[in-house]
């Protein structure tokens, strides 16, 4: 059984996410501008949305 991991880097300008298998092979990656509204909840929602999108691929 192959296991997967998702990593998310929330930067000041970009949010980057990667999904890798247990061997470290990158399966999917996403980069998009970070929601800079300054609202904690919006960044959490953006991170959750990116995690869902990357896992759906």
C-alpha atoms as a PDB file:
ATOM      1  CA  UNK A   1       0.000   0.000   0.000  1.00  0.00           C
ATOM      2  CA  UNK A   2       1.382   3.385  -0.996  1.00  0.00           C
ATOM      3  CA  UNK A   3       1.107   6.147   1.595  1.00  0.00           C
ATOM      4  CA  UNK A   4       1.051   9.837   0.742  1.00  0.00           C
ATOM      5  CA  UNK A   5       1.970  13.018   2.602  1.00  0.00           C
ATOM      6  CA  UNK A   6       1.018  16.638   1.934  1.00  0.00           C
ATOM      7  CA  UNK A   7       3.254  19.534   2.928  1.00  0.00           C
ATOM      8  CA  UNK A   8       2.183  23.180   2.863  1.00  0.00           C
ATOM      9  CA  UNK A   9       4.483  26.211   3.010  1.00  0.00           C
ATOM     10  CA  UNK A  10       2.644  29.434   3.797  1.00  0.00           C
ATOM     11  CA  UNK A  11       4.863  32.313   2.795  1.00  0.00           C
ATOM     12  CA  UNK A  12       4.285  36.027   2.733  1.00  0.00           C
ATOM     13  CA  UNK A  13       3.788  36.075  -1.044  1.00  0.00           C
ATOM     14  CA  UNK A  14       3.054  32.475  -2.058  1.00  0.00           C
ATOM     15  CA  UNK A  15       1.434  29.377  -0.657  1.00  0.00           C
ATOM     16  CA  UNK A  16       3.075  26.190  -1.920  1.00  0.00           C
ATOM     17  CA  UNK A  17       1.865  22.646  -1.446  1.00  0.00           C
ATOM     18  CA  UNK A  18       3.286  19.301  -2.444  1.00  0.00           C
ATOM     19  CA  UNK A  19       1.981  15.741  -2.280  1.00  0.00           C
ATOM     20  CA  UNK A  20       4.604  12.984  -2.134  1.00  0.00           C
ATOM     21  CA  UNK A  21       4.510   9.231  -1.876  1.00  0.00           C
ATOM     22  CA  UNK A  22       6.319   7.283   0.857  1.00  0.00           C
ATOM     23  CA  UNK A  23       9.430   7.111  -1.332  1.00  0.00           C
ATOM     24  CA  UNK A  24       9.640  10.901  -1.635  1.00  0.00           C
ATOM     25  CA  UNK A  25       8.438  11.081  -5.238  1.00  0.00           C
ATOM     26  CA  UNK A  26       6.487  14.288  -5.891  1.00  0.00           C
ATOM     27  CA  UNK A  27       3.026  13.380  -7.164  1.00  0.00           C
ATOM     28  CA  UNK A  28       1.526  16.868  -7.422  1.00  0.00           C
ATOM     29  CA  UNK A  29       2.444  20.439  -6.514  1.00  0.00           C
ATOM     30  CA  UNK A  30       0.583  23.734  -6.344  1.00  0.00           C
ATOM     31  CA  UNK A  31       1.813  27.313  -6.027  1.00  0.00           C
ATOM     32  CA  UNK A  32      -0.519  30.277  -5.682  1.00  0.00           C
ATOM     33  CA  UNK A  33      -0.437  33.773  -4.171  1.00  0.00           C
ATOM     34  CA  UNK A  34      -1.055  33.816  -0.429  1.00  0.00           C
ATOM     35  CA  UNK A  35      -4.286  35.498   0.613  1.00  0.00           C
ATOM     36  CA  UNK A  36      -2.771  38.618   2.157  1.00  0.00           C
ATOM     37  CA  UNK A  37      -5.924  40.003   3.725  1.00  0.00           C
ATOM     38  CA  UNK A  38      -4.198  39.582   7.088  1.00  0.00           C
ATOM     39  CA  UNK A  39      -7.069  37.429   8.339  1.00  0.00           C
ATOM     40  CA  UNK A  40      -5.928  34.202  10.022  1.00  0.00           C
ATOM     41  CA  UNK A  41      -9.138  32.364   9.080  1.00  0.00           C
ATOM     42  CA  UNK A  42      -8.751  33.174   5.381  1.00  0.00           C
ATOM     43  CA  UNK A  43      -5.230  31.723   5.311  1.00  0.00           C
ATOM     44  CA  UNK A  44      -6.434  28.570   7.105  1.00  0.00           C
ATOM     45  CA  UNK A  45      -9.303  28.231   4.604  1.00  0.00           C
ATOM     46  CA  UNK A  46      -6.910  28.742   1.686  1.00  0.00           C
ATOM     47  CA  UNK A  47      -4.572  26.075   3.081  1.00  0.00           C
ATOM     48  CA  UNK A  48      -7.447  23.615   3.520  1.00  0.00           C
ATOM     49  CA  UNK A  49      -8.656  24.322  -0.018  1.00  0.00           C
ATOM     50  CA  UNK A  50      -5.190  23.713  -1.465  1.00  0.00           C
ATOM     51  CA  UNK A  51      -4.825  20.467   0.526  1.00  0.00           C
ATOM     52  CA  UNK A  52      -8.181  19.249  -0.798  1.00  0.00           C
ATOM     53  CA  UNK A  53      -7.349  20.172  -4.402  1.00  0.00           C
ATOM     54  CA  UNK A  54      -3.938  18.532  -4.305  1.00  0.00           C
ATOM     55  CA  UNK A  55      -5.329  15.334  -2.774  1.00  0.00           C
ATOM     56  CA  UNK A  56      -8.118  15.135  -5.366  1.00  0.00           C
ATOM     57  CA  UNK A  57      -5.572  14.899  -8.216  1.00  0.00           C
END
